[in-house]
Structure formats: structure tokens, C-alpha cells
């Protein structure tokens, strides 16, 4: 497996994202456009970026000063744990409240309360597990 959030890893993430109807199709229905950054909580900048247009991933790459709407951070160990066993809603809520999953940018509470976004957000962990 490529290093987490490397260019190769993010490219695979993009491909897997687009294969998953519960992501691309669901987010397309709400016209979701966003740039999501991913990284480790002990680092200043994210490592990888996924750019979405109308729910579909159009670019998965390393972070190079791109503007982003969301910035998700966790320890490498927690990311790897979630890749092995993607979290459900309860586990994700506990990870957020215990600060194992941090949103350096973006509003977790608003997103998780919107069923049109909460389901795809959960599914994104399943997709990451396939990378």
C-alpha cells in the first residue's frame, strides 16, 4: 500500500470514491462541490487533497497550498484503525468528541446533522479502507 495521503494513495482514493454510488451519486444530488484535505493531527499542513465537483472526485493529489473547505486530521494509528474497520455513526461521534478525529476546517456538527451529508461522510471511511 502507498503511504497514506501520498499522491498515489489520493489517486486511488479518487478512483474508489467515484466507484461508490453512495458517495458520488448521493452528493451529486445535492450539488456538492468541495475540496477536502486529509492529514495527521501533529502536522501543520494536510498531506492529501480530494477535489469534488457535483459529488464526483475530479482530483486526488498531495497538498500544495490548495484552498480547501474541510480539513480532517487524526493520528496515523487512528487512520489505519479506521481503514481496517471503518467506523459507524457512534464510533465516529466518539472519535470526534474525544478529539481522535479533528476538523481543523469544516463544521462536523452541521454536516453530521444533515442526512444528505452524514451518510456519504460515513461511506467515505469505507472507501478509504479499499485504497
N, C-alpha and C. Protein backbone atom coordinates (compact mmCIF):
# COMPACT_ATOMS: atom_id res chain seq x y z
N UNK A 1 0.85 -1.19 0.00
CA UNK A 1 0.00 0.00 0.00
C UNK A 1 0.89 1.24 0.00
N UNK A 2 0.48 2.22 -0.77
CA UNK A 2 1.19 3.50 -0.81
C UNK A 2 1.05 4.20 0.54
N UNK A 3 1.96 5.10 0.82
CA UNK A 3 1.87 5.88 2.06
C UNK A 3 0.54 6.61 2.11
N UNK A 4 -0.05 6.64 3.30
CA UNK A 4 -1.34 7.30 3.48
C UNK A 4 -1.24 8.76 3.04
N UNK A 5 -2.18 9.16 2.21
CA UNK A 5 -2.34 10.53 1.70
C UNK A 5 -1.22 10.96 0.74
N UNK A 6 -0.42 10.02 0.25
CA UNK A 6 0.56 10.33 -0.80
C UNK A 6 -0.19 10.57 -2.10
N UNK A 7 0.51 11.03 -3.14
CA UNK A 7 -0.13 11.27 -4.44
C UNK A 7 -0.77 9.98 -4.96
N UNK A 8 -0.06 8.87 -4.86
CA UNK A 8 -0.57 7.59 -5.34
C UNK A 8 -1.80 7.17 -4.53
N UNK A 9 -1.74 7.34 -3.22
CA UNK A 9 -2.85 6.97 -2.35
C UNK A 9 -4.08 7.81 -2.67
N UNK A 10 -3.88 9.11 -2.83
CA UNK A 10 -5.00 10.02 -3.12
C UNK A 10 -5.61 9.73 -4.49
N UNK A 11 -4.80 9.34 -5.45
CA UNK A 11 -5.31 8.96 -6.78
C UNK A 11 -6.21 7.73 -6.65
N UNK A 12 -5.77 6.75 -5.87
CA UNK A 12 -6.59 5.55 -5.65
C UNK A 12 -7.87 5.92 -4.90
N UNK A 13 -7.76 6.81 -3.94
CA UNK A 13 -8.93 7.28 -3.20
C UNK A 13 -9.94 7.90 -4.16
N UNK A 14 -9.46 8.74 -5.06
CA UNK A 14 -10.34 9.37 -6.04
C UNK A 14 -11.07 8.31 -6.87
N UNK A 15 -10.34 7.31 -7.35
CA UNK A 15 -10.94 6.26 -8.17
C UNK A 15 -11.97 5.46 -7.39
N UNK A 16 -11.64 5.11 -6.15
CA UNK A 16 -12.59 4.36 -5.32
C UNK A 16 -13.81 5.19 -4.98
N UNK A 17 -13.62 6.47 -4.72
CA UNK A 17 -14.73 7.39 -4.42
C UNK A 17 -15.75 7.35 -5.57
N UNK A 18 -15.24 7.45 -6.79
CA UNK A 18 -16.14 7.52 -7.94
C UNK A 18 -16.83 6.20 -8.25
N UNK A 19 -16.30 5.09 -7.73
CA UNK A 19 -16.94 3.78 -7.91
C UNK A 19 -18.07 3.56 -6.93
N UNK A 20 -18.15 4.40 -5.90
CA UNK A 20 -19.11 4.19 -4.82
C UNK A 20 -20.35 5.07 -5.01
N UNK A 21 -21.48 4.46 -5.41
CA UNK A 21 -22.68 5.27 -5.66
C UNK A 21 -23.18 6.02 -4.44
N UNK A 22 -22.93 5.50 -3.24
CA UNK A 22 -23.39 6.19 -2.03
C UNK A 22 -22.58 7.46 -1.76
N UNK A 23 -21.54 7.68 -2.51
CA UNK A 23 -20.78 8.92 -2.40
C UNK A 23 -21.08 9.82 -3.59
N UNK A 24 -20.55 9.46 -4.74
CA UNK A 24 -20.66 10.32 -5.92
C UNK A 24 -22.11 10.65 -6.26
N UNK A 25 -22.97 9.66 -6.31
CA UNK A 25 -24.36 9.90 -6.70
C UNK A 25 -25.12 10.69 -5.65
N UNK A 26 -24.97 10.30 -4.39
CA UNK A 26 -25.68 10.99 -3.31
C UNK A 26 -25.27 12.46 -3.22
N UNK A 27 -23.98 12.70 -3.31
CA UNK A 27 -23.50 14.09 -3.21
C UNK A 27 -23.82 14.90 -4.48
N UNK A 28 -23.90 14.21 -5.59
CA UNK A 28 -24.30 14.87 -6.83
C UNK A 28 -25.73 15.39 -6.71
N UNK A 29 -26.57 14.63 -6.04
CA UNK A 29 -27.98 15.03 -5.87
C UNK A 29 -28.14 16.35 -5.13
N UNK A 30 -27.16 16.70 -4.31
CA UNK A 30 -27.25 17.97 -3.57
C UNK A 30 -26.27 19.01 -4.14
N UNK A 31 -25.68 18.71 -5.30
CA UNK A 31 -24.76 19.67 -5.93
C UNK A 31 -23.54 19.96 -5.09
N UNK A 32 -22.99 18.92 -4.45
CA UNK A 32 -21.88 19.10 -3.52
C UNK A 32 -20.56 19.31 -4.25
N UNK A 33 -19.98 20.48 -4.05
CA UNK A 33 -18.65 20.83 -4.56
C UNK A 33 -17.79 21.17 -3.36
N UNK A 34 -16.61 20.58 -3.27
CA UNK A 34 -15.79 20.83 -2.10
C UNK A 34 -14.37 20.36 -2.34
N UNK A 35 -13.47 20.89 -1.56
CA UNK A 35 -12.10 20.39 -1.51
C UNK A 35 -11.86 19.93 -0.09
N UNK A 36 -11.52 18.64 0.03
CA UNK A 36 -11.33 18.02 1.34
C UNK A 36 -9.85 17.71 1.51
N UNK A 37 -9.28 18.21 2.59
CA UNK A 37 -7.88 17.94 2.92
C UNK A 37 -7.84 16.88 4.01
N UNK A 38 -6.83 16.04 3.96
CA UNK A 38 -6.63 14.98 4.93
C UNK A 38 -5.19 15.04 5.44
N UNK A 39 -5.01 14.71 6.70
CA UNK A 39 -3.65 14.70 7.22
C UNK A 39 -3.57 14.17 8.63
N UNK A 40 -2.42 14.41 9.23
CA UNK A 40 -2.14 13.93 10.57
C UNK A 40 -2.23 15.09 11.55
N UNK A 41 -2.76 14.80 12.73
CA UNK A 41 -3.06 15.87 13.68
C UNK A 41 -1.83 16.54 14.27
N UNK A 42 -0.66 15.95 14.12
CA UNK A 42 0.54 16.56 14.69
C UNK A 42 1.31 17.39 13.66
N UNK A 43 0.72 17.60 12.48
CA UNK A 43 1.40 18.34 11.42
C UNK A 43 0.66 19.65 11.13
N UNK A 44 1.41 20.65 10.68
CA UNK A 44 0.82 21.96 10.41
C UNK A 44 -0.08 21.96 9.19
N UNK A 45 0.30 21.23 8.16
CA UNK A 45 -0.46 21.23 6.91
C UNK A 45 -0.98 19.83 6.61
N UNK A 46 -2.08 19.77 5.86
CA UNK A 46 -2.57 18.45 5.45
C UNK A 46 -1.60 17.80 4.47
N UNK A 47 -1.81 16.54 4.21
CA UNK A 47 -0.96 15.80 3.27
C UNK A 47 -1.62 15.60 1.92
N UNK A 48 -2.90 15.25 1.93
CA UNK A 48 -3.60 14.95 0.69
C UNK A 48 -4.84 15.79 0.52
N UNK A 49 -5.27 15.91 -0.73
CA UNK A 49 -6.45 16.72 -1.05
C UNK A 49 -7.30 15.96 -2.07
N UNK A 50 -8.61 15.98 -1.84
CA UNK A 50 -9.56 15.40 -2.77
C UNK A 50 -10.50 16.52 -3.20
N UNK A 51 -10.56 16.76 -4.50
CA UNK A 51 -11.42 17.82 -5.03
C UNK A 51 -12.66 17.18 -5.64
N UNK A 52 -13.82 17.66 -5.18
CA UNK A 52 -15.12 17.13 -5.61
C UNK A 52 -15.88 18.17 -6.40
N UNK A 53 -16.45 17.73 -7.50
CA UNK A 53 -17.36 18.57 -8.30
C UNK A 53 -18.63 17.79 -8.53
N UNK A 54 -19.74 18.35 -8.08
CA UNK A 54 -21.05 17.68 -8.19
C UNK A 54 -20.98 16.27 -7.62
N UNK A 55 -20.24 16.12 -6.52
CA UNK A 55 -20.15 14.84 -5.82
C UNK A 55 -19.07 13.90 -6.31
N UNK A 56 -18.60 14.10 -7.53
CA UNK A 56 -17.58 13.23 -8.09
C UNK A 56 -16.18 13.76 -7.76
N UNK A 57 -15.27 12.85 -7.48
CA UNK A 57 -13.89 13.24 -7.25
C UNK A 57 -13.23 13.49 -8.60
N UNK A 58 -12.70 14.68 -8.79
CA UNK A 58 -12.06 15.04 -10.06
C UNK A 58 -10.55 15.12 -9.93
N UNK A 59 -10.05 15.18 -8.69
CA UNK A 59 -8.61 15.21 -8.48
C UNK A 59 -8.29 14.71 -7.08
N UNK A 60 -7.35 13.79 -7.02
CA UNK A 60 -6.81 13.32 -5.75
C UNK A 60 -5.31 13.52 -5.83
N UNK A 61 -4.77 14.34 -4.95
CA UNK A 61 -3.36 14.70 -5.06
C UNK A 61 -2.80 15.07 -3.69
N UNK A 62 -1.54 15.41 -3.67
CA UNK A 62 -0.93 15.88 -2.43
C UNK A 62 -1.29 17.35 -2.23
N UNK A 63 -1.19 17.79 -1.01
CA UNK A 63 -1.48 19.19 -0.68
C UNK A 63 -0.31 20.06 -1.11
N UNK A 64 -0.64 21.08 -1.92
CA UNK A 64 0.35 22.08 -2.35
C UNK A 64 -0.34 23.44 -2.33
N UNK A 65 -0.64 23.93 -1.15
CA UNK A 65 -1.24 25.25 -0.97
C UNK A 65 -2.61 25.42 -1.61
N UNK A 66 -3.35 24.34 -1.85
CA UNK A 66 -4.70 24.47 -2.37
C UNK A 66 -5.61 25.05 -1.28
N UNK A 67 -6.60 25.79 -1.72
CA UNK A 67 -7.65 26.22 -0.80
C UNK A 67 -8.53 25.00 -0.55
N UNK A 68 -9.05 24.85 0.67
CA UNK A 68 -9.91 23.71 0.96
C UNK A 68 -11.03 24.13 1.89
N UNK A 69 -12.12 23.34 1.85
CA UNK A 69 -13.30 23.60 2.66
C UNK A 69 -13.32 22.78 3.94
N UNK A 70 -12.69 21.63 3.89
CA UNK A 70 -12.66 20.69 5.01
C UNK A 70 -11.22 20.26 5.23
N UNK A 71 -10.85 20.07 6.48
CA UNK A 71 -9.51 19.60 6.82
C UNK A 71 -9.66 18.60 7.96
N UNK A 72 -9.55 17.31 7.63
CA UNK A 72 -9.73 16.24 8.61
C UNK A 72 -8.38 15.73 9.05
N UNK A 73 -8.21 15.62 10.37
CA UNK A 73 -6.93 15.19 10.93
C UNK A 73 -7.14 14.12 11.99
N UNK A 74 -6.19 13.21 12.02
CA UNK A 74 -6.14 12.17 13.05
C UNK A 74 -4.71 11.65 13.10
N UNK A 75 -4.41 10.87 14.11
CA UNK A 75 -3.09 10.25 14.15
C UNK A 75 -3.01 9.18 13.06
N UNK A 76 -1.81 8.83 12.66
CA UNK A 76 -1.63 7.77 11.67
C UNK A 76 -2.25 6.47 12.17
N UNK A 77 -2.09 6.21 13.45
CA UNK A 77 -2.64 4.99 14.05
C UNK A 77 -4.16 4.96 13.95
N UNK A 78 -4.81 6.09 14.22
CA UNK A 78 -6.28 6.13 14.12
C UNK A 78 -6.74 5.98 12.69
N UNK A 79 -6.08 6.66 11.75
CA UNK A 79 -6.45 6.47 10.35
C UNK A 79 -6.36 5.00 9.98
N UNK A 80 -5.25 4.36 10.34
CA UNK A 80 -5.06 2.94 9.99
C UNK A 80 -6.11 2.06 10.64
N UNK A 81 -6.49 2.38 11.88
CA UNK A 81 -7.53 1.63 12.58
C UNK A 81 -8.85 1.75 11.81
N UNK A 82 -9.18 2.96 11.37
CA UNK A 82 -10.44 3.17 10.65
C UNK A 82 -10.40 2.56 9.26
N UNK A 83 -9.22 2.45 8.65
CA UNK A 83 -9.12 1.80 7.34
C UNK A 83 -9.36 0.29 7.49
N UNK A 84 -8.93 -0.28 8.61
CA UNK A 84 -9.14 -1.71 8.84
C UNK A 84 -10.59 -2.00 9.18
N UNK A 85 -11.20 -1.11 9.97
CA UNK A 85 -12.60 -1.27 10.36
C UNK A 85 -13.25 0.10 10.35
N UNK A 86 -13.88 0.45 9.22
CA UNK A 86 -14.50 1.77 9.12
C UNK A 86 -15.51 2.01 10.24
N UNK A 87 -15.47 3.20 10.83
CA UNK A 87 -16.35 3.49 11.97
C UNK A 87 -17.80 3.68 11.53
N UNK A 88 -18.71 3.34 12.44
CA UNK A 88 -20.12 3.65 12.26
C UNK A 88 -20.40 5.03 12.87
N UNK A 89 -21.65 5.39 12.90
CA UNK A 89 -22.04 6.71 13.39
C UNK A 89 -21.63 6.92 14.85
N UNK A 90 -21.85 5.92 15.70
CA UNK A 90 -21.50 6.06 17.12
C UNK A 90 -19.99 6.19 17.30
N UNK A 91 -19.23 5.32 16.64
CA UNK A 91 -17.77 5.35 16.77
C UNK A 91 -17.20 6.67 16.24
N UNK A 92 -17.79 7.15 15.16
CA UNK A 92 -17.33 8.41 14.59
C UNK A 92 -17.62 9.58 15.54
N UNK A 93 -18.80 9.58 16.14
CA UNK A 93 -19.14 10.60 17.12
C UNK A 93 -18.20 10.57 18.31
N UNK A 94 -17.87 9.37 18.77
CA UNK A 94 -16.94 9.25 19.90
C UNK A 94 -15.54 9.71 19.50
N UNK A 95 -15.13 9.39 18.26
CA UNK A 95 -13.81 9.83 17.78
C UNK A 95 -13.75 11.35 17.73
N UNK A 96 -14.84 11.97 17.31
CA UNK A 96 -14.88 13.43 17.25
C UNK A 96 -14.86 14.05 18.64
N UNK A 97 -15.71 13.55 19.54
CA UNK A 97 -15.78 14.16 20.87
C UNK A 97 -14.51 13.91 21.69
N UNK A 98 -13.82 12.82 21.42
CA UNK A 98 -12.57 12.53 22.14
C UNK A 98 -11.36 13.13 21.43
N UNK A 99 -11.61 13.85 20.35
CA UNK A 99 -10.56 14.53 19.57
C UNK A 99 -9.60 13.57 18.88
N UNK A 100 -10.03 12.33 18.66
CA UNK A 100 -9.25 11.41 17.83
C UNK A 100 -9.38 11.80 16.36
N UNK A 101 -10.52 12.37 16.01
CA UNK A 101 -10.76 12.91 14.68
C UNK A 101 -11.00 14.39 14.85
N UNK A 102 -10.18 15.19 14.19
CA UNK A 102 -10.28 16.64 14.33
C UNK A 102 -10.65 17.26 12.98
N UNK A 103 -11.48 18.25 13.05
CA UNK A 103 -11.83 19.05 11.88
C UNK A 103 -11.13 20.40 12.06
N UNK A 104 -9.98 20.55 11.42
CA UNK A 104 -9.28 21.82 11.52
C UNK A 104 -10.02 22.89 10.72
N UNK A 105 -10.78 22.43 9.74
CA UNK A 105 -11.64 23.33 8.97
C UNK A 105 -12.87 22.52 8.57
N UNK A 106 -14.02 23.16 8.62
CA UNK A 106 -15.27 22.48 8.31
C UNK A 106 -16.07 22.29 9.59
N UNK A 107 -17.36 22.13 9.44
CA UNK A 107 -18.27 22.04 10.59
C UNK A 107 -18.84 20.65 10.71
N UNK A 108 -18.22 19.83 11.55
CA UNK A 108 -18.66 18.45 11.77
C UNK A 108 -20.11 18.38 12.22
N UNK A 109 -20.48 19.21 13.19
CA UNK A 109 -21.81 19.15 13.77
C UNK A 109 -22.89 19.42 12.72
N UNK A 110 -22.72 20.46 11.92
CA UNK A 110 -23.70 20.76 10.87
C UNK A 110 -23.76 19.63 9.84
N UNK A 111 -22.61 19.11 9.47
CA UNK A 111 -22.55 18.06 8.46
C UNK A 111 -23.23 16.79 8.96
N UNK A 112 -22.94 16.39 10.17
CA UNK A 112 -23.46 15.11 10.68
C UNK A 112 -24.96 15.17 10.94
N UNK A 113 -25.50 16.38 11.14
CA UNK A 113 -26.94 16.54 11.34
C UNK A 113 -27.72 16.53 10.03
N UNK A 114 -27.02 16.64 8.91
CA UNK A 114 -27.66 16.64 7.60
C UNK A 114 -27.55 15.24 7.00
N UNK A 115 -28.65 14.48 6.97
CA UNK A 115 -28.58 13.10 6.48
C UNK A 115 -28.05 12.98 5.05
N UNK A 116 -28.23 14.04 4.27
CA UNK A 116 -27.71 14.02 2.88
C UNK A 116 -26.20 14.01 2.86
N UNK A 117 -25.57 14.48 3.93
CA UNK A 117 -24.11 14.51 4.01
C UNK A 117 -23.55 13.48 4.99
N UNK A 118 -24.29 13.17 6.04
CA UNK A 118 -23.79 12.24 7.06
C UNK A 118 -23.55 10.85 6.49
N UNK A 119 -24.50 10.35 5.71
CA UNK A 119 -24.34 9.03 5.11
C UNK A 119 -23.11 8.95 4.21
N UNK A 120 -22.97 9.87 3.27
CA UNK A 120 -21.76 9.86 2.45
C UNK A 120 -20.47 10.03 3.26
N UNK A 121 -20.50 10.84 4.31
CA UNK A 121 -19.31 11.00 5.13
C UNK A 121 -18.90 9.66 5.75
N UNK A 122 -19.85 8.95 6.29
CA UNK A 122 -19.56 7.61 6.84
C UNK A 122 -19.03 6.69 5.75
N UNK A 123 -19.65 6.72 4.60
CA UNK A 123 -19.25 5.85 3.49
C UNK A 123 -17.83 6.17 3.04
N UNK A 124 -17.39 7.42 3.21
CA UNK A 124 -16.03 7.77 2.77
C UNK A 124 -14.97 6.97 3.53
N UNK A 125 -15.25 6.58 4.76
CA UNK A 125 -14.31 5.75 5.51
C UNK A 125 -14.24 4.35 4.94
N UNK A 126 -15.36 3.83 4.47
CA UNK A 126 -15.37 2.52 3.81
C UNK A 126 -14.56 2.57 2.53
N UNK A 127 -14.69 3.66 1.79
CA UNK A 127 -13.94 3.83 0.55
C UNK A 127 -12.44 3.93 0.86
N UNK A 128 -12.08 4.69 1.90
CA UNK A 128 -10.66 4.79 2.26
C UNK A 128 -10.10 3.42 2.61
N UNK A 129 -10.90 2.57 3.20
CA UNK A 129 -10.44 1.24 3.58
C UNK A 129 -10.10 0.39 2.35
N UNK A 130 -10.67 0.73 1.20
CA UNK A 130 -10.39 -0.04 -0.03
C UNK A 130 -9.13 0.43 -0.75
N UNK A 131 -8.56 1.55 -0.31
CA UNK A 131 -7.38 2.09 -1.01
C UNK A 131 -6.16 1.24 -0.69
